[in-house]
C-alpha atoms as a PDB file:
ATOM      1  CA  MET A   1     -13.451  26.924   4.672  1.00  0.00           C
ATOM      2  CA  HIS A   2     -13.612  23.619   6.557  1.00  0.00           C
ATOM      3  CA  THR A   3     -15.369  21.721   3.789  1.00  0.00           C
ATOM      4  CA  SER A   4     -12.379  21.791   1.455  1.00  0.00           C
ATOM      5  CA  ILE A   5     -10.221  18.726   0.905  1.00  0.00           C
ATOM      6  CA  ALA A   6      -7.388  20.385   2.839  1.00  0.00           C
ATOM      7  CA  HIS A   7      -9.447  20.086   6.024  1.00  0.00           C
ATOM      8  CA  THR A   8     -10.617  16.531   5.472  1.00  0.00           C
ATOM      9  CA  ASP A   9      -9.382  14.079   8.075  1.00  0.00           C
ATOM     10  CA  LEU A  10      -7.947  10.943   6.511  1.00  0.00           C
ATOM     11  CA  PRO A  11      -8.348   7.592   8.243  1.00  0.00           C
ATOM     12  CA  ALA A  12      -5.256   6.487  10.148  1.00  0.00           C
ATOM     13  CA  ALA A  13      -5.574   2.870   9.014  1.00  0.00           C
ATOM     14  CA  PRO A  14      -6.674   1.287   5.750  1.00  0.00           C
ATOM     15  CA  THR A  15     -10.412   0.692   5.529  1.00  0.00           C
ATOM     16  CA  PHE A  16      -9.840  -2.864   4.297  1.00  0.00           C
ATOM     17  CA  VAL A  17      -7.417  -5.180   6.050  1.00  0.00           C
ATOM     18  CA  PRO A  18      -6.796  -8.298   3.969  1.00  0.00           C
ATOM     19  CA  PRO A  19      -5.822 -11.581   5.600  1.00  0.00           C
ATOM     20  CA  LEU A  20      -2.078 -11.917   5.994  1.00  0.00           C
ATOM     21  CA  ASP A  21      -1.612 -14.494   3.217  1.00  0.00           C
ATOM     22  CA  ILE A  22      -3.451 -12.296   0.711  1.00  0.00           C
ATOM     23  CA  ALA A  23      -1.482  -9.222   1.792  1.00  0.00           C
ATOM     24  CA  ARG A  24       1.786 -11.161   1.378  1.00  0.00           C
ATOM     25  CA  ALA A  25       0.840 -12.375  -2.098  1.00  0.00           C
ATOM     26  CA  GLN A  26      -0.135  -8.848  -3.162  1.00  0.00           C
ATOM     27  CA  ALA A  27       3.159  -7.506  -1.784  1.00  0.00           C
ATOM     28  CA  ARG A  28       5.140 -10.063  -3.779  1.00  0.00           C
ATOM     29  CA  ARG A  29       3.217  -9.235  -6.989  1.00  0.00           C
ATOM     30  CA  THR A  30       3.720  -5.493  -6.505  1.00  0.00           C
ATOM     31  CA  LEU A  31       7.436  -5.858  -5.818  1.00  0.00           C
ATOM     32  CA  ASP A  32       7.844  -8.105  -8.878  1.00  0.00           C
ATOM     33  CA  GLU A  33       6.108  -5.493 -11.031  1.00  0.00           C
ATOM     34  CA  ALA A  34       8.274  -2.726  -9.577  1.00  0.00           C
ATOM     35  CA  ASN A  35      11.411  -4.781 -10.214  1.00  0.00           C
ATOM     36  CA  ALA A  36      10.320  -5.322 -13.828  1.00  0.00           C
ATOM     37  CA  LEU A  37      10.082  -1.557 -14.373  1.00  0.00           C
ATOM     38  CA  ASP A  38      12.791  -0.397 -16.762  1.00  0.00           C
ATOM     39  CA  LEU A  39      14.178   2.655 -15.020  1.00  0.00           C
ATOM     40  CA  ASP A  40      16.042   3.745 -18.163  1.00  0.00           C
ATOM     41  CA  THR A  41      12.870   4.180 -20.205  1.00  0.00           C
ATOM     42  CA  ALA A  42      10.216   4.808 -17.515  1.00  0.00           C
ATOM     43  CA  ASP A  43       8.960   8.326 -17.015  1.00  0.00           C
ATOM     44  CA  SER A  44       8.607   9.919 -13.597  1.00  0.00           C
ATOM     45  CA  CYS A  45       4.840   9.284 -13.518  1.00  0.00           C
ATOM     46  CA  ALA A  46       5.336   5.529 -13.969  1.00  0.00           C
ATOM     47  CA  ILE A  47       7.965   5.478 -11.240  1.00  0.00           C
ATOM     48  CA  ALA A  48       5.701   7.452  -8.895  1.00  0.00           C
ATOM     49  CA  ARG A  49       2.798   5.081  -9.641  1.00  0.00           C
ATOM     50  CA  HIS A  50       4.884   2.032  -8.742  1.00  0.00           C
ATOM     51  CA  PHE A  51       6.227   3.739  -5.616  1.00  0.00           C
ATOM     52  CA  GLY A  52       2.660   4.555  -4.533  1.00  0.00           C
ATOM     53  CA  GLY A  53       1.649   0.947  -5.163  1.00  0.00           C
ATOM     54  CA  VAL A  54       4.516  -0.344  -3.043  1.00  0.00           C
ATOM     55  CA  CYS A  55       3.622   2.046  -0.209  1.00  0.00           C
ATOM     56  CA  GLU A  56      -0.034   1.000  -0.278  1.00  0.00           C
ATOM     57  CA  VAL A  57       0.872  -2.683  -0.228  1.00  0.00           C
ATOM     58  CA  LEU A  58       3.216  -2.122   2.714  1.00  0.00           C
ATOM     59  CA  ARG A  59       0.386  -0.409   4.595  1.00  0.00           C
ATOM     60  CA  GLU A  60      -1.868  -3.406   3.904  1.00  0.00           C
ATOM     61  CA  VAL A  61       0.774  -5.895   5.042  1.00  0.00           C
ATOM     62  CA  LEU A  62       1.427  -3.958   8.242  1.00  0.00           C
ATOM     63  CA  ALA A  63      -2.313  -3.702   8.923  1.00  0.00           C
ATOM     64  CA  ALA A  64      -2.678  -7.451   8.307  1.00  0.00           C
ATOM     65  CA  LEU A  65       0.199  -8.157  10.698  1.00  0.00           C
ATOM     66  CA  ASP A  66      -1.411  -5.934  13.329  1.00  0.00           C
ATOM     67  CA  ALA A  67      -4.731  -7.715  12.869  1.00  0.00           C
ATOM     68  CA  GLU A  68      -2.999 -11.089  13.136  1.00  0.00           C
ATOM     69  CA  ASP A  69      -1.303  -9.991  16.360  1.00  0.00           C
ATOM     70  CA  GLY A  70      -4.682  -8.847  17.679  1.00  0.00           C
ATOM     71  CA  ARG A  71      -6.232 -12.230  16.941  1.00  0.00           C
ATOM     72  CA  ARG A  72      -3.410 -14.008  18.779  1.00  0.00           C
ATOM     73  CA  ALA A  73      -3.705 -11.797  21.878  1.00  0.00           C
END
């Protein structure tokens, strides 16, 4: 069945591309929060949540860098 989530095409790029300075600030905040995570007491769900947050922020930063390059071209 092609209407199931398994057959849904995901967008290749984030739908929102923040300006580079905002993306950088968000990346710094996310990395600080991930560094503050106590790996001795954190459960696997908390670790996965922080890892997902870091990945999303990296996508936003890369998209912002691409957009900045496009504006300079």
